[in-house]
């Protein structure tokens, strides 16, 4: 009985070792893969353009507020109460717009970034999966999550090669192969 349990345990350990020896594990920096994608550069250019448009809108609103303030200070003594009140309301509205700009700006930039970067991240993930499958890797971890990793199992060089990167090192070899 004792011998049977010992043999069973030994068989399980042998099977576990065989299965783990067949499973190839790799890692990759997802951020680096995303930054290699041609779509990333295009998305970043669009983000810069969107940011510039928002900044121009802010500057124009500020310029208009300053213009109306100057007019108000110079001419309000000549105006009736109704005109003074109407101009004060216009300036309050512009001031409120400017005060709300920062939170609105952050929300708009974040939303635009998500719109532009989600397809890029999805394509990068598909590329990682494709390279991992071609290399026979069963598991791929984020490089940033690992404290120690062997150079041979980094998928980034293979992804660079697939994307046509110049001077790409050879594709990764599984651990244990030379």
Protein backbone atom coordinates (compact mmCIF):
# COMPACT_ATOMS: atom_id res chain seq x y z
CA UNK A 1 0.00 0.00 0.00
CA UNK A 2 2.74 2.38 1.00
CA UNK A 3 4.72 1.42 -2.09
CA UNK A 4 1.65 2.13 -4.28
CA UNK A 5 1.21 5.64 -2.85
CA UNK A 6 4.90 6.33 -3.28
CA UNK A 7 4.81 5.11 -6.91
CA UNK A 8 1.68 7.19 -7.57
CA UNK A 9 3.31 10.30 -6.12
CA UNK A 10 6.44 9.68 -8.16
CA UNK A 11 4.33 9.26 -11.32
CA UNK A 12 2.54 12.56 -10.63
CA UNK A 13 5.83 14.39 -10.15
CA UNK A 14 7.22 12.91 -13.35
CA UNK A 15 4.09 13.90 -15.27
CA UNK A 16 4.16 17.44 -13.82
CA UNK A 17 7.82 17.80 -14.78
CA UNK A 18 7.13 16.53 -18.31
CA UNK A 19 4.17 18.92 -18.77
CA UNK A 20 6.08 21.92 -17.44
CA UNK A 21 9.09 21.08 -19.62
CA UNK A 22 6.82 21.20 -22.68
CA UNK A 23 5.25 24.54 -21.76
CA UNK A 24 7.30 27.44 -23.05
CA UNK A 25 7.08 30.69 -21.17
CA UNK A 26 8.03 34.13 -22.50
CA UNK A 27 7.63 37.76 -21.55
CA UNK A 28 7.32 41.07 -23.36
CA UNK A 29 6.99 44.74 -22.54
CA UNK A 30 3.54 45.61 -23.85
CA UNK A 31 4.30 49.33 -23.68
CA UNK A 32 7.34 48.89 -25.90
CA UNK A 33 5.33 46.85 -28.39
CA UNK A 34 2.63 49.54 -28.52
CA UNK A 35 5.27 52.22 -29.09
CA UNK A 36 6.71 50.23 -32.02
CA UNK A 37 3.37 50.15 -33.83
CA UNK A 38 3.03 52.61 -36.75
CA UNK A 39 -0.51 53.35 -35.53
CA UNK A 40 0.94 54.58 -32.22
CA UNK A 41 2.87 57.36 -33.93
CA UNK A 42 -0.24 58.39 -35.85
CA UNK A 43 -2.36 58.35 -32.67
CA UNK A 44 0.20 60.47 -30.82
CA UNK A 45 0.21 63.00 -33.66
CA UNK A 46 -3.59 63.17 -33.50
CA UNK A 47 -3.42 63.61 -29.71
CA UNK A 48 -1.00 66.53 -30.14
CA UNK A 49 -3.29 68.10 -32.73
CA UNK A 50 -6.34 67.65 -30.47
CA UNK A 51 -4.42 69.16 -27.53
CA UNK A 52 -3.42 72.12 -29.67
CA UNK A 53 -7.02 72.74 -30.71
CA UNK A 54 -8.17 72.71 -27.08
CA UNK A 55 -5.36 75.09 -26.07
CA UNK A 56 -6.27 77.47 -28.90
CA UNK A 57 -9.91 77.44 -27.78
CA UNK A 58 -8.81 78.28 -24.23
CA UNK A 59 -6.55 81.11 -25.43
CA UNK A 60 -9.33 82.58 -27.59
CA UNK A 61 -11.78 82.48 -24.69
CA UNK A 62 -9.24 84.17 -22.40
CA UNK A 63 -8.51 86.80 -25.04
CA UNK A 64 -12.24 87.51 -25.43
CA UNK A 65 -12.69 87.83 -21.66
CA UNK A 66 -9.77 90.28 -21.46
CA UNK A 67 -11.18 92.27 -24.40
CA UNK A 68 -14.62 92.51 -22.84
CA UNK A 69 -13.09 93.42 -19.47
CA UNK A 70 -11.12 96.26 -21.08
CA UNK A 71 -14.22 97.55 -22.86
CA UNK A 72 -16.23 97.29 -19.64
CA UNK A 73 -13.65 99.26 -17.66
CA UNK A 74 -13.35 101.94 -20.33
CA UNK A 75 -17.00 102.41 -21.29
CA UNK A 76 -19.22 101.13 -18.46
CA UNK A 77 -19.66 104.59 -16.97
CA UNK A 78 -21.45 105.66 -20.17
CA UNK A 79 -23.76 102.63 -20.29
CA UNK A 80 -27.18 102.16 -18.79
CA UNK A 81 -27.67 99.65 -15.95
CA UNK A 82 -29.19 97.10 -18.34
CA UNK A 83 -26.18 97.20 -20.70
CA UNK A 84 -23.73 97.02 -17.76
CA UNK A 85 -25.60 94.00 -16.33
CA UNK A 86 -25.67 92.24 -19.72
CA UNK A 87 -21.92 92.76 -20.22
CA UNK A 88 -21.17 91.55 -16.68
CA UNK A 89 -23.18 88.39 -17.40
CA UNK A 90 -21.21 87.80 -20.62
CA UNK A 91 -17.95 88.10 -18.70
CA UNK A 92 -19.21 85.78 -15.93
CA UNK A 93 -20.10 83.20 -18.56
CA UNK A 94 -16.63 83.43 -20.12
CA UNK A 95 -14.98 83.22 -16.70
CA UNK A 96 -17.02 80.11 -15.87
CA UNK A 97 -15.94 78.54 -19.16
CA UNK A 98 -12.31 79.23 -18.34
CA UNK A 99 -12.63 77.82 -14.83
CA UNK A 100 -14.25 74.64 -16.13
CA UNK A 101 -11.66 74.28 -18.87
CA UNK A 102 -9.11 72.34 -16.80
CA UNK A 103 -11.43 69.51 -15.75
CA UNK A 104 -13.09 69.48 -19.15
CA UNK A 105 -9.67 69.46 -20.80
CA UNK A 106 -8.53 66.44 -18.78
CA UNK A 107 -11.73 64.53 -19.55
CA UNK A 108 -11.61 65.32 -23.26
CA UNK A 109 -7.93 64.36 -23.53
CA UNK A 110 -8.48 61.09 -21.67
CA UNK A 111 -11.51 60.21 -23.79
CA UNK A 112 -9.65 61.02 -27.01
CA UNK A 113 -6.64 58.98 -25.88
CA UNK A 114 -8.87 55.98 -25.19
CA UNK A 115 -10.51 56.33 -28.61
CA UNK A 116 -7.16 56.46 -30.38
CA UNK A 117 -5.13 54.01 -28.30
CA UNK A 118 -7.64 51.17 -27.79
CA UNK A 119 -7.29 49.90 -31.39
CA UNK A 120 -3.50 50.23 -31.18
CA UNK A 121 -3.38 48.23 -27.93
CA UNK A 122 -5.68 45.59 -29.41
CA UNK A 123 -3.45 45.27 -32.47
CA UNK A 124 -0.35 45.03 -30.26
CA UNK A 125 -2.00 42.28 -28.20
CA UNK A 126 -2.89 40.39 -31.38
CA UNK A 127 0.72 40.75 -32.58
CA UNK A 128 2.03 39.40 -29.26
CA UNK A 129 -0.36 36.46 -29.44
CA UNK A 130 0.64 35.74 -33.03
CA UNK A 131 4.39 35.80 -32.27
CA UNK A 132 3.88 33.70 -29.14
CA UNK A 133 1.87 31.12 -31.05
CA UNK A 134 4.45 30.99 -33.83
CA UNK A 135 7.20 30.50 -31.24
CA UNK A 136 5.26 27.78 -29.45
CA UNK A 137 4.89 29.76 -26.21
CA UNK A 138 2.09 28.68 -23.91
CA UNK A 139 2.36 31.65 -21.57
CA UNK A 140 3.48 35.24 -22.08
CA UNK A 141 3.85 37.58 -19.11
CA UNK A 142 4.22 41.34 -18.95
CA UNK A 143 7.91 42.13 -18.56
CA UNK A 144 7.08 44.86 -16.06
CA UNK A 145 5.54 42.26 -13.73
CA UNK A 146 8.68 40.11 -13.57
CA UNK A 147 11.61 40.71 -11.25
CA UNK A 148 13.95 38.26 -13.00
CA UNK A 149 13.78 36.94 -16.55
CA UNK A 150 16.16 35.32 -19.04
CA UNK A 151 17.03 37.32 -22.17
CA UNK A 152 16.23 34.41 -24.47
CA UNK A 153 12.50 34.45 -23.75
CA UNK A 154 11.82 38.12 -24.53
CA UNK A 155 9.36 38.33 -27.46
CA UNK A 156 10.21 41.97 -28.26
CA UNK A 157 13.00 41.15 -30.76
CA UNK A 158 10.67 38.79 -32.66
CA UNK A 159 7.94 41.43 -32.70
CA UNK A 160 10.41 44.05 -33.96
CA UNK A 161 11.43 41.66 -36.71
CA UNK A 162 7.79 41.01 -37.63
CA UNK A 163 7.14 44.76 -37.80
CA UNK A 164 10.19 45.15 -40.02
CA UNK A 165 12.45 46.88 -37.49
CA UNK A 166 15.98 47.41 -38.74
CA UNK A 167 18.80 45.54 -37.03
CA UNK A 168 16.42 43.30 -35.11
CA UNK A 169 18.11 40.53 -33.15
CA UNK A 170 17.07 36.95 -33.99
CA UNK A 171 13.80 35.53 -32.70
CA UNK A 172 13.84 34.32 -29.09
CA UNK A 173 14.83 30.76 -28.33
CA UNK A 174 13.03 28.77 -25.68
CA UNK A 175 14.79 28.35 -22.36
CA UNK A 176 17.19 25.43 -22.37
CA UNK A 177 18.03 25.59 -26.10
CA UNK A 178 21.33 26.90 -27.44
